[in-house]
Amino acid sequence: MDRFLKVVAGISRIMDRIAGFCLAGVMIMVVVNIILRRLFNSPLLGVYEYVGFLTAVVIGFSLAYCAVKEGHITVDLFFARLPRKARAVLEIGNGFVIFIFLSLVAWYLLKYATGIQTNGQVSQTCEIPFHFFIYLVAGGFFVLSLTALGRGLKFLQGVNEK
């Protein structure tokens, strides 16, 4: 159990670092584009598409690490008033429901990317095949689903130990 949580945390940490590099790349592209547009009246072509693709990767890859660090906003107003056992049972159920939902999101993103790849769709300006980026976002959602599963299993383990 602890090994599973450590592996998921490690993968999500690596994905978060990749997201950070992508975000830095987005910032550099935007600044260079602005400078080239202002000084030389010659902007970079396709920056809008690259920024969109990389931003999708940033979001998809950073969600899991945020969940591992429990950085998402939660409203515990109702849960805090419940007895510890009831709260644990709800957390377990919540973790498994979120796992199933996010796994379905990842699955449908994979199906969508496969359809786009099969059709040969590309971006308008640079003609980049963008199914690759959808696959990356699907991977991010899958790792996020594993963090939800790990959280549910952690609460389940806590209930079984007490």
Protein backbone atom coordinates (compact mmCIF):
# COMPACT_ATOMS: atom_id res chain seq x y z
CA MET A 1 0.00 0.00 0.00
CA ASP A 2 2.70 2.47 0.96
CA ARG A 3 4.71 1.40 -2.06
CA PHE A 4 1.76 2.15 -4.35
CA LEU A 5 1.38 5.62 -2.83
CA LYS A 6 5.12 6.30 -3.18
CA VAL A 7 5.14 5.21 -6.83
CA VAL A 8 2.12 7.38 -7.65
CA ALA A 9 3.66 10.32 -5.77
CA GLY A 10 6.94 9.84 -7.65
CA ILE A 11 5.25 9.71 -11.04
CA SER A 12 3.15 12.75 -10.23
CA ARG A 13 6.25 14.65 -9.06
CA ILE A 14 8.00 13.90 -12.37
CA MET A 15 4.92 14.98 -14.30
CA ASP A 16 4.76 18.18 -12.25
CA ARG A 17 8.37 18.97 -13.14
CA ILE A 18 7.59 18.43 -16.83
CA ALA A 19 4.59 20.75 -16.41
CA GLY A 20 6.91 23.37 -14.93
CA PHE A 21 9.24 23.17 -17.92
CA CYS A 22 6.27 23.44 -20.28
CA LEU A 23 5.03 26.51 -18.41
CA ALA A 24 8.47 28.08 -18.65
CA GLY A 25 8.46 27.30 -22.37
CA VAL A 26 5.08 28.99 -22.73
CA MET A 27 6.35 32.10 -20.98
CA ILE A 28 9.49 32.23 -23.12
CA MET A 29 7.51 31.80 -26.34
CA VAL A 30 5.05 34.54 -25.41
CA VAL A 31 7.81 37.00 -24.43
CA VAL A 32 9.87 36.26 -27.56
CA ASN A 33 6.75 36.62 -29.71
CA ILE A 34 5.94 40.00 -28.16
CA ILE A 35 9.51 41.24 -28.60
CA LEU A 36 9.69 40.08 -32.21
CA ARG A 37 6.30 41.59 -32.97
CA ARG A 38 7.17 44.98 -31.43
CA LEU A 39 10.77 45.35 -32.59
CA PHE A 40 10.82 43.60 -35.95
CA ASN A 41 7.12 43.42 -36.84
CA SER A 42 7.64 39.69 -37.41
CA PRO A 43 5.88 37.47 -34.85
CA LEU A 44 6.52 33.77 -34.48
CA LEU A 45 4.04 31.70 -36.45
CA GLY A 46 1.89 29.26 -34.53
CA VAL A 47 2.68 30.56 -31.04
CA TYR A 48 -1.04 30.53 -30.23
CA GLU A 49 -1.22 26.81 -31.03
CA TYR A 50 1.98 25.92 -29.18
CA VAL A 51 0.82 27.86 -26.12
CA GLY A 52 -2.53 26.07 -26.19
CA PHE A 53 -0.97 22.62 -26.50
CA LEU A 54 1.62 23.22 -23.81
CA THR A 55 -0.96 24.77 -21.48
CA ALA A 56 -3.06 21.62 -21.80
CA VAL A 57 0.00 19.57 -20.84
CA VAL A 58 0.69 21.90 -17.91
CA ILE A 59 -2.81 21.46 -16.56
CA GLY A 60 -2.98 17.72 -17.19
CA PHE A 61 0.42 17.01 -15.68
CA SER A 62 0.17 19.26 -12.62
CA LEU A 63 -3.19 18.06 -11.25
CA ALA A 64 -1.94 14.76 -9.82
CA TYR A 65 0.92 16.29 -7.83
CA CYS A 66 -1.42 18.92 -6.45
CA ALA A 67 -3.71 16.09 -5.32
CA VAL A 68 -0.79 14.21 -3.75
CA LYS A 69 0.12 17.34 -1.78
CA GLU A 70 -3.59 17.87 -0.99
CA GLY A 71 -3.39 21.33 -2.49
CA HIS A 72 -6.91 21.34 -3.91
CA ILE A 73 -9.57 23.35 -2.16
CA THR A 74 -11.89 21.23 -0.06
CA VAL A 75 -14.96 22.20 1.87
CA ASP A 76 -14.97 20.30 5.15
CA LEU A 77 -17.86 22.14 6.72
CA PHE A 78 -20.13 19.09 6.53
CA PHE A 79 -17.46 16.41 6.96
CA ALA A 80 -15.90 18.04 10.03
CA ARG A 81 -19.13 17.65 12.00
CA LEU A 82 -19.41 13.90 11.35
CA PRO A 83 -18.00 11.20 13.60
CA ARG A 84 -14.58 9.90 12.59
CA LYS A 85 -15.89 6.53 11.35
CA ALA A 86 -18.60 8.12 9.20
CA ARG A 87 -16.09 10.61 7.81
CA ALA A 88 -13.70 7.77 6.94
CA VAL A 89 -16.45 5.80 5.20
CA LEU A 90 -17.43 8.86 3.15
CA GLU A 91 -13.79 9.55 2.28
CA ILE A 92 -13.35 5.95 1.11
CA GLY A 93 -16.50 6.13 -1.02
CA ASN A 94 -15.50 9.53 -2.33
CA GLY A 95 -12.02 8.28 -3.28
CA PHE A 96 -13.41 5.33 -5.22
CA VAL A 97 -16.09 7.37 -6.99
CA ILE A 98 -13.50 9.96 -8.00
CA PHE A 99 -11.18 7.16 -9.16
CA ILE A 100 -13.89 5.70 -11.39
CA PHE A 101 -14.89 9.12 -12.77
CA LEU A 102 -11.32 10.20 -13.54
CA SER A 103 -10.51 6.81 -15.06
CA LEU A 104 -13.49 7.27 -17.38
CA VAL A 105 -12.27 10.76 -18.25
CA ALA A 106 -8.84 9.33 -19.13
CA TRP A 107 -10.45 6.50 -21.12
CA TYR A 108 -12.63 8.84 -23.17
CA LEU A 109 -9.70 11.17 -23.78
CA LEU A 110 -7.76 8.16 -25.11
CA LYS A 111 -10.67 7.24 -27.37
CA TYR A 112 -10.94 10.85 -28.56
CA ALA A 113 -7.21 11.06 -29.29
CA THR A 114 -7.31 7.76 -31.15
CA GLY A 115 -10.18 9.04 -33.29
CA ILE A 116 -8.30 12.22 -34.08
CA GLN A 117 -5.18 10.23 -34.90
CA THR A 118 -7.14 7.90 -37.16
CA ASN A 119 -8.72 10.84 -39.00
CA GLY A 120 -5.36 12.55 -39.35
CA GLN A 121 -6.55 15.85 -37.89
CA VAL A 122 -3.88 18.50 -37.42
CA SER A 123 -3.78 22.04 -36.07
CA GLN A 124 -4.74 24.81 -38.46
CA THR A 125 -1.66 27.01 -38.62
CA CYS A 126 1.31 24.71 -38.06
CA GLU A 127 -0.42 21.48 -39.05
CA ILE A 128 0.79 19.71 -35.92
CA PRO A 129 -0.90 16.39 -35.17
CA PHE A 130 -2.38 17.21 -31.78
CA HIS A 131 -3.51 13.76 -30.73
CA PHE A 132 -0.18 13.40 -28.91
CA PHE A 133 -1.09 16.22 -26.53
CA ILE A 134 -4.48 14.65 -25.82
CA TYR A 135 -2.72 11.38 -24.98
CA LEU A 136 -0.52 13.29 -22.53
CA VAL A 137 -3.53 14.92 -20.85
CA ALA A 138 -5.22 11.51 -20.63
CA GLY A 139 -2.12 10.18 -18.90
CA GLY A 140 -2.29 13.07 -16.46
CA PHE A 141 -5.91 12.28 -15.64
CA PHE A 142 -5.07 8.60 -15.20
CA VAL A 143 -2.35 9.42 -12.66
CA LEU A 144 -4.81 11.79 -10.96
CA SER A 145 -7.28 8.90 -10.73
CA LEU A 146 -4.58 6.78 -9.12
CA THR A 147 -4.02 9.47 -6.49
CA ALA A 148 -7.75 9.39 -5.69
CA LEU A 149 -7.58 5.60 -5.45
CA GLY A 150 -4.56 5.85 -3.17
CA ARG A 151 -6.34 8.33 -0.93
CA GLY A 152 -9.36 6.02 -0.67
CA LEU A 153 -7.11 3.04 0.07
CA LYS A 154 -5.26 5.04 2.71
CA PHE A 155 -8.51 5.81 4.51
CA LEU A 156 -9.59 2.19 4.13
CA GLN A 157 -6.34 1.04 5.67
CA GLY A 158 -6.85 3.51 8.54
CA VAL A 159 -10.35 2.16 9.19
CA ASN A 160 -9.14 -1.46 9.16
CA GLU A 161 -6.32 -0.70 11.60
CA LYS A 162 -8.56 0.91 14.21
